[in-house]
Amino acid sequence: MTQDKSILHLRDDKHILYPGDYFATTKNISIHTTLGSCISVTLWDPMKQQGGMNHFMLVGQIENTIAASTNARYGMAAMELLINQLIKLGSKKENLRAKLFGGCSCMESLARSKVSVNNIRFAFRYLDIEKIPIDAIDVGGQQARKIIFSPKRGEVKMKKLNMNTHKNILQKELDLQKTIKDSPISKNEFRLF
């Protein structure tokens, strides 16, 4: 039996992010995700007591150009969409504080493709360019992570997962990455030069 992801998103106390998702809120709920090579950035506005999180899979390089997209599976879009959502909720970009997680490279094929390393580098560079301070970092390494973010308090709980759990997560990520890389750029995407 497959479970409709939208049902999981409707719980009052919890919002689950999947690869390519982002979510920002003013509510006192928790945002959950599980990461392998993917990256999640949490952004918190201590002045407004609100925040959000994204979960991106790829930096967005396609044929040596950067793909700009409305699809948050790419880092650039995931960051822009999350920041814009927080601004719509009343935040000012200069008040945002970041925490950065994910980017493990515990499978040989991920290590060879450098997806994890590229994701980590992108996140650091983006936050530096946008002058968003980073308050906490747990990236790289050999284990997948479960992240629970409280957007009201800006707190993150993180658990590193055991080998059996993270092998399953990473295989799903690899399958999804292959699907993404094999698909052409959609009408919602364009290239920046």
C-alpha atoms as a PDB file:
ATOM      1  CA  MET A   1       0.000   0.000   0.000  1.00  0.00           C
ATOM      2  CA  THR A   2       1.436   3.385  -0.948  1.00  0.00           C
ATOM      3  CA  GLN A   3       0.905   6.328   1.301  1.00  0.00           C
ATOM      4  CA  ASP A   4      -0.081   9.695  -0.147  1.00  0.00           C
ATOM      5  CA  LYS A   5       2.631  12.187   0.882  1.00  0.00           C
ATOM      6  CA  SER A   6       0.111  15.030   1.053  1.00  0.00           C
ATOM      7  CA  ILE A   7      -1.640  13.296   3.957  1.00  0.00           C
ATOM      8  CA  LEU A   8       1.598  13.329   5.929  1.00  0.00           C
ATOM      9  CA  HIS A   9       1.980  17.054   5.246  1.00  0.00           C
ATOM     10  CA  LEU A  10      -1.402  17.821   6.836  1.00  0.00           C
ATOM     11  CA  ARG A  11      -0.631  16.772  10.399  1.00  0.00           C
ATOM     12  CA  ASP A  12      -1.003  19.751  12.716  1.00  0.00           C
ATOM     13  CA  ASP A  13       2.142  19.185  14.780  1.00  0.00           C
ATOM     14  CA  LYS A  14       4.529  17.877  12.141  1.00  0.00           C
ATOM     15  CA  HIS A  15       5.542  18.577   8.546  1.00  0.00           C
ATOM     16  CA  ILE A  16       7.644  16.023   6.644  1.00  0.00           C
ATOM     17  CA  LEU A  17      10.034  17.134   3.911  1.00  0.00           C
ATOM     18  CA  TYR A  18      10.996  14.887   1.013  1.00  0.00           C
ATOM     19  CA  PRO A  19      13.775  15.550  -1.516  1.00  0.00           C
ATOM     20  CA  GLY A  20      12.851  18.657  -3.455  1.00  0.00           C
ATOM     21  CA  ASP A  21      10.621  20.090  -0.701  1.00  0.00           C
ATOM     22  CA  TYR A  22      10.809  23.265   1.351  1.00  0.00           C
ATOM     23  CA  PHE A  23       8.512  24.593   4.061  1.00  0.00           C
ATOM     24  CA  ALA A  24       8.330  27.749   6.174  1.00  0.00           C
ATOM     25  CA  THR A  25       5.892  28.541   8.949  1.00  0.00           C
ATOM     26  CA  THR A  26       4.979  30.783  11.858  1.00  0.00           C
ATOM     27  CA  LYS A  27       3.364  27.853  13.692  1.00  0.00           C
ATOM     28  CA  ASN A  28       4.733  25.899  16.631  1.00  0.00           C
ATOM     29  CA  ILE A  29       5.242  22.614  14.792  1.00  0.00           C
ATOM     30  CA  SER A  30       8.232  20.464  13.881  1.00  0.00           C
ATOM     31  CA  ILE A  31       9.676  19.929  10.415  1.00  0.00           C
ATOM     32  CA  HIS A  32      11.181  16.471   9.791  1.00  0.00           C
ATOM     33  CA  THR A  33      13.436  15.063   7.100  1.00  0.00           C
ATOM     34  CA  THR A  34      15.975  12.299   6.547  1.00  0.00           C
ATOM     35  CA  LEU A  35      19.192  13.037   4.661  1.00  0.00           C
ATOM     36  CA  GLY A  36      21.820  11.021   2.866  1.00  0.00           C
ATOM     37  CA  SER A  37      23.829  12.941   0.262  1.00  0.00           C
ATOM     38  CA  CYS A  38      21.130  15.614   0.188  1.00  0.00           C
ATOM     39  CA  ILE A  39      21.424  18.847   2.122  1.00  0.00           C
ATOM     40  CA  SER A  40      18.948  20.582   4.394  1.00  0.00           C
ATOM     41  CA  VAL A  41      19.346  24.172   5.422  1.00  0.00           C
ATOM     42  CA  THR A  42      17.220  25.497   8.244  1.00  0.00           C
ATOM     43  CA  LEU A  43      16.602  29.229   8.334  1.00  0.00           C
ATOM     44  CA  TRP A  44      15.340  30.886  11.495  1.00  0.00           C
ATOM     45  CA  ASP A  45      14.279  34.448  12.170  1.00  0.00           C
ATOM     46  CA  PRO A  46      14.803  35.081  15.904  1.00  0.00           C
ATOM     47  CA  MET A  47      12.999  38.444  15.663  1.00  0.00           C
ATOM     48  CA  LYS A  48       9.776  36.910  14.286  1.00  0.00           C
ATOM     49  CA  GLN A  49      10.209  33.485  15.947  1.00  0.00           C
ATOM     50  CA  GLN A  50       9.580  31.699  12.644  1.00  0.00           C
ATOM     51  CA  GLY A  51      11.583  29.593  10.259  1.00  0.00           C
ATOM     52  CA  GLY A  52      11.740  26.943   7.607  1.00  0.00           C
ATOM     53  CA  MET A  53      13.768  24.168   6.084  1.00  0.00           C
ATOM     54  CA  ASN A  54      14.558  22.815   2.629  1.00  0.00           C
ATOM     55  CA  HIS A  55      15.811  19.443   1.340  1.00  0.00           C
ATOM     56  CA  PHE A  56      17.727  19.631  -1.924  1.00  0.00           C
ATOM     57  CA  MET A  57      19.394  16.880  -3.915  1.00  0.00           C
ATOM     58  CA  LEU A  58      21.591  18.576  -6.481  1.00  0.00           C
ATOM     59  CA  VAL A  59      23.372  21.883  -6.841  1.00  0.00           C
ATOM     60  CA  GLY A  60      21.790  22.361 -10.233  1.00  0.00           C
ATOM     61  CA  GLN A  61      24.680  22.026 -12.645  1.00  0.00           C
ATOM     62  CA  ILE A  62      23.543  20.735 -15.983  1.00  0.00           C
ATOM     63  CA  GLU A  63      26.036  20.714 -18.860  1.00  0.00           C
ATOM     64  CA  ASN A  64      28.335  23.182 -17.054  1.00  0.00           C
ATOM     65  CA  THR A  65      25.589  25.774 -16.557  1.00  0.00           C
ATOM     66  CA  ILE A  66      23.430  26.387 -13.545  1.00  0.00           C
ATOM     67  CA  ALA A  67      19.809  25.366 -13.867  1.00  0.00           C
ATOM     68  CA  ALA A  68      17.485  27.859 -12.284  1.00  0.00           C
ATOM     69  CA  SER A  69      14.190  26.295 -11.509  1.00  0.00           C
ATOM     70  CA  THR A  70      11.035  26.552  -9.512  1.00  0.00           C
ATOM     71  CA  ASN A  71      11.796  22.996  -8.409  1.00  0.00           C
ATOM     72  CA  ALA A  72      13.444  22.833  -4.975  1.00  0.00           C
ATOM     73  CA  ARG A  73      15.351  19.643  -5.850  1.00  0.00           C
ATOM     74  CA  TYR A  74      18.097  22.068  -6.973  1.00  0.00           C
ATOM     75  CA  GLY A  75      20.023  23.997  -4.332  1.00  0.00           C
ATOM     76  CA  MET A  76      19.647  27.464  -5.840  1.00  0.00           C
ATOM     77  CA  ALA A  77      15.877  27.127  -6.176  1.00  0.00           C
ATOM     78  CA  ALA A  78      15.528  25.488  -2.753  1.00  0.00           C
ATOM     79  CA  MET A  79      17.329  28.374  -1.076  1.00  0.00           C
ATOM     80  CA  GLU A  80      15.545  31.133  -3.008  1.00  0.00           C
ATOM     81  CA  LEU A  81      12.108  29.576  -2.496  1.00  0.00           C
ATOM     82  CA  LEU A  82      12.674  29.130   1.237  1.00  0.00           C
ATOM     83  CA  ILE A  83      13.973  32.684   1.729  1.00  0.00           C
ATOM     84  CA  ASN A  84      11.101  34.118  -0.328  1.00  0.00           C
ATOM     85  CA  GLN A  85       8.553  32.163   1.703  1.00  0.00           C
ATOM     86  CA  LEU A  86      10.023  33.518   4.949  1.00  0.00           C
ATOM     87  CA  ILE A  87       9.948  37.058   3.559  1.00  0.00           C
ATOM     88  CA  LYS A  88       6.266  36.557   2.652  1.00  0.00           C
ATOM     89  CA  LEU A  89       5.705  35.574   6.291  1.00  0.00           C
ATOM     90  CA  GLY A  90       7.281  38.870   7.410  1.00  0.00           C
ATOM     91  CA  SER A  91      10.959  38.007   7.920  1.00  0.00           C
ATOM     92  CA  LYS A  92      13.799  40.237   6.765  1.00  0.00           C
ATOM     93  CA  LYS A  93      16.689  38.439   5.090  1.00  0.00           C
ATOM     94  CA  GLU A  94      19.214  40.222   7.311  1.00  0.00           C
ATOM     95  CA  ASN A  95      17.610  38.596  10.404  1.00  0.00           C
ATOM     96  CA  LEU A  96      17.880  35.007   9.135  1.00  0.00           C
ATOM     97  CA  ARG A  97      20.233  32.490  10.776  1.00  0.00           C
ATOM     98  CA  ALA A  98      21.149  29.146   9.189  1.00  0.00           C
ATOM     99  CA  LYS A  99      21.953  25.603  10.250  1.00  0.00           C
ATOM    100  CA  LEU A 100      23.332  23.157   7.700  1.00  0.00           C
ATOM    101  CA  PHE A 101      23.026  19.345   7.641  1.00  0.00           C
ATOM    102  CA  GLY A 102      23.557  16.321   5.399  1.00  0.00           C
ATOM    103  CA  GLY A 103      25.883  15.533   2.539  1.00  0.00           C
ATOM    104  CA  CYS A 104      27.094  12.118   3.634  1.00  0.00           C
ATOM    105  CA  SER A 105      29.113  10.102   1.130  1.00  0.00           C
ATOM    106  CA  CYS A 106      28.878   6.613   2.533  1.00  0.00           C
ATOM    107  CA  MET A 107      28.305   4.812  -0.760  1.00  0.00           C
ATOM    108  CA  GLU A 108      31.122   4.369  -3.257  1.00  0.00           C
ATOM    109  CA  SER A 109      29.056   5.653  -6.187  1.00  0.00           C
ATOM    110  CA  LEU A 110      28.192   8.842  -4.260  1.00  0.00           C
ATOM    111  CA  ALA A 111      31.826   9.413  -3.358  1.00  0.00           C
ATOM    112  CA  ARG A 112      32.833   9.068  -7.033  1.00  0.00           C
ATOM    113  CA  SER A 113      30.121  11.424  -8.272  1.00  0.00           C
ATOM    114  CA  LYS A 114      30.980  14.068  -5.648  1.00  0.00           C
ATOM    115  CA  VAL A 115      27.275  14.894  -5.225  1.00  0.00           C
ATOM    116  CA  SER A 116      27.715  15.266  -1.460  1.00  0.00           C
ATOM    117  CA  VAL A 117      30.806  17.462  -1.713  1.00  0.00           C
ATOM    118  CA  ASN A 118      29.205  19.667  -4.372  1.00  0.00           C
ATOM    119  CA  ASN A 119      26.035  20.053  -2.276  1.00  0.00           C
ATOM    120  CA  ILE A 120      28.033  21.038   0.807  1.00  0.00           C
ATOM    121  CA  ARG A 121      30.193  23.533  -1.113  1.00  0.00           C
ATOM    122  CA  PHE A 122      27.137  25.077  -2.724  1.00  0.00           C
ATOM    123  CA  ALA A 123      25.345  25.552   0.616  1.00  0.00           C
ATOM    124  CA  PHE A 124      28.363  27.218   2.244  1.00  0.00           C
ATOM    125  CA  ARG A 125      28.970  29.463  -0.766  1.00  0.00           C
ATOM    126  CA  TYR A 126      25.313  30.470  -1.083  1.00  0.00           C
ATOM    127  CA  LEU A 127      24.997  31.377   2.602  1.00  0.00           C
ATOM    128  CA  ASP A 128      28.286  33.317   2.449  1.00  0.00           C
ATOM    129  CA  ILE A 129      27.212  35.296  -0.641  1.00  0.00           C
ATOM    130  CA  GLU A 130      23.818  36.073   0.929  1.00  0.00           C
ATOM    131  CA  LYS A 131      25.522  36.990   4.234  1.00  0.00           C
ATOM    132  CA  ILE A 132      23.374  34.584   6.247  1.00  0.00           C
ATOM    133  CA  PRO A 133      25.317  33.469   9.342  1.00  0.00           C
ATOM    134  CA  ILE A 134      25.616  29.744  10.051  1.00  0.00           C
ATOM    135  CA  ASP A 135      24.992  28.795  13.682  1.00  0.00           C
ATOM    136  CA  ALA A 136      25.426  25.011  13.406  1.00  0.00           C
ATOM    137  CA  ILE A 137      26.938  22.561  10.932  1.00  0.00           C
ATOM    138  CA  ASP A 138      26.896  18.783  10.680  1.00  0.00           C
ATOM    139  CA  VAL A 139      27.836  17.776   7.133  1.00  0.00           C
ATOM    140  CA  GLY A 140      29.813  15.074   5.350  1.00  0.00           C
ATOM    141  CA  GLY A 141      30.880  11.869   6.979  1.00  0.00           C
ATOM    142  CA  GLN A 142      29.611   8.364   6.443  1.00  0.00           C
ATOM    143  CA  GLN A 143      26.152   8.326   8.029  1.00  0.00           C
ATOM    144  CA  ALA A 144      22.689   9.493   7.026  1.00  0.00           C
ATOM    145  CA  ARG A 145      20.885  11.863   9.384  1.00  0.00           C
ATOM    146  CA  LYS A 146      17.362  12.390  10.716  1.00  0.00           C
ATOM    147  CA  ILE A 147      16.632  16.084  11.287  1.00  0.00           C
ATOM    148  CA  ILE A 148      13.823  17.596  13.348  1.00  0.00           C
ATOM    149  CA  PHE A 149      13.587  21.387  13.238  1.00  0.00           C
ATOM    150  CA  SER A 150      11.493  23.621  15.496  1.00  0.00           C
ATOM    151  CA  PRO A 151      10.863  26.769  13.446  1.00  0.00           C
ATOM    152  CA  LYS A 152       9.461  28.687  16.459  1.00  0.00           C
ATOM    153  CA  ARG A 153      12.609  28.186  18.550  1.00  0.00           C
ATOM    154  CA  GLY A 154      15.230  27.655  15.842  1.00  0.00           C
ATOM    155  CA  GLU A 155      16.290  24.382  17.484  1.00  0.00           C
ATOM    156  CA  VAL A 156      17.374  21.276  15.603  1.00  0.00           C
ATOM    157  CA  LYS A 157      17.511  17.714  16.863  1.00  0.00           C
ATOM    158  CA  MET A 158      19.728  15.468  14.783  1.00  0.00           C
ATOM    159  CA  LYS A 159      20.291  11.734  14.928  1.00  0.00           C
ATOM    160  CA  LYS A 160      22.848   9.832  12.872  1.00  0.00           C
ATOM    161  CA  LEU A 161      21.283   6.664  11.505  1.00  0.00           C
ATOM    162  CA  ASN A 162      22.529   3.080  11.622  1.00  0.00           C
ATOM    163  CA  MET A 163      23.981   1.391   8.514  1.00  0.00           C
ATOM    164  CA  ASN A 164      20.855  -0.552   7.516  1.00  0.00           C
ATOM    165  CA  THR A 165      18.635   2.517   7.684  1.00  0.00           C
ATOM    166  CA  HIS A 166      20.967   4.806   5.798  1.00  0.00           C
ATOM    167  CA  LYS A 167      21.736   2.278   3.039  1.00  0.00           C
ATOM    168  CA  ASN A 168      18.006   2.197   2.233  1.00  0.00           C
ATOM    169  CA  ILE A 169      17.808   6.008   2.242  1.00  0.00           C
ATOM    170  CA  LEU A 170      20.866   6.376   0.045  1.00  0.00           C
ATOM    171  CA  GLN A 171      19.619   3.844  -2.485  1.00  0.00           C
ATOM    172  CA  LYS A 172      16.373   5.794  -2.795  1.00  0.00           C
ATOM    173  CA  GLU A 173      18.390   8.992  -3.270  1.00  0.00           C
ATOM    174  CA  LEU A 174      20.531   7.382  -5.973  1.00  0.00           C
ATOM    175  CA  ASP A 175      17.457   6.147  -7.825  1.00  0.00           C
ATOM    176  CA  LEU A 176      15.868   9.601  -7.649  1.00  0.00           C
ATOM    177  CA  GLN A 177      19.086  11.340  -8.735  1.00  0.00           C
ATOM    178  CA  LYS A 178      19.340   9.056 -11.779  1.00  0.00           C
ATOM    179  CA  THR A 179      15.745   9.897 -12.702  1.00  0.00           C
ATOM    180  CA  ILE A 180      16.480  13.621 -12.356  1.00  0.00           C
ATOM    181  CA  LYS A 181      19.713  13.486 -14.362  1.00  0.00           C
ATOM    182  CA  ASP A 182      18.029  11.506 -17.147  1.00  0.00           C
ATOM    183  CA  SER A 183      15.089  13.911 -17.452  1.00  0.00           C
ATOM    184  CA  PRO A 184      15.326  17.032 -19.619  1.00  0.00           C
ATOM    185  CA  ILE A 185      14.918  20.517 -18.218  1.00  0.00           C
ATOM    186  CA  SER A 186      11.200  21.218 -17.940  1.00  0.00           C
ATOM    187  CA  LYS A 187       9.338  24.295 -19.167  1.00  0.00           C
ATOM    188  CA  ASN A 188       9.590  25.709 -15.615  1.00  0.00           C
ATOM    189  CA  GLU A 189      13.361  25.744 -15.784  1.00  0.00           C
ATOM    190  CA  PHE A 190      15.788  27.941 -17.655  1.00  0.00           C
ATOM    191  CA  ARG A 191      19.561  28.311 -17.876  1.00  0.00           C
ATOM    192  CA  LEU A 192      21.604  31.168 -16.503  1.00  0.00           C
ATOM    193  CA  PHE A 193      24.699  32.213 -18.418  1.00  0.00           C
END
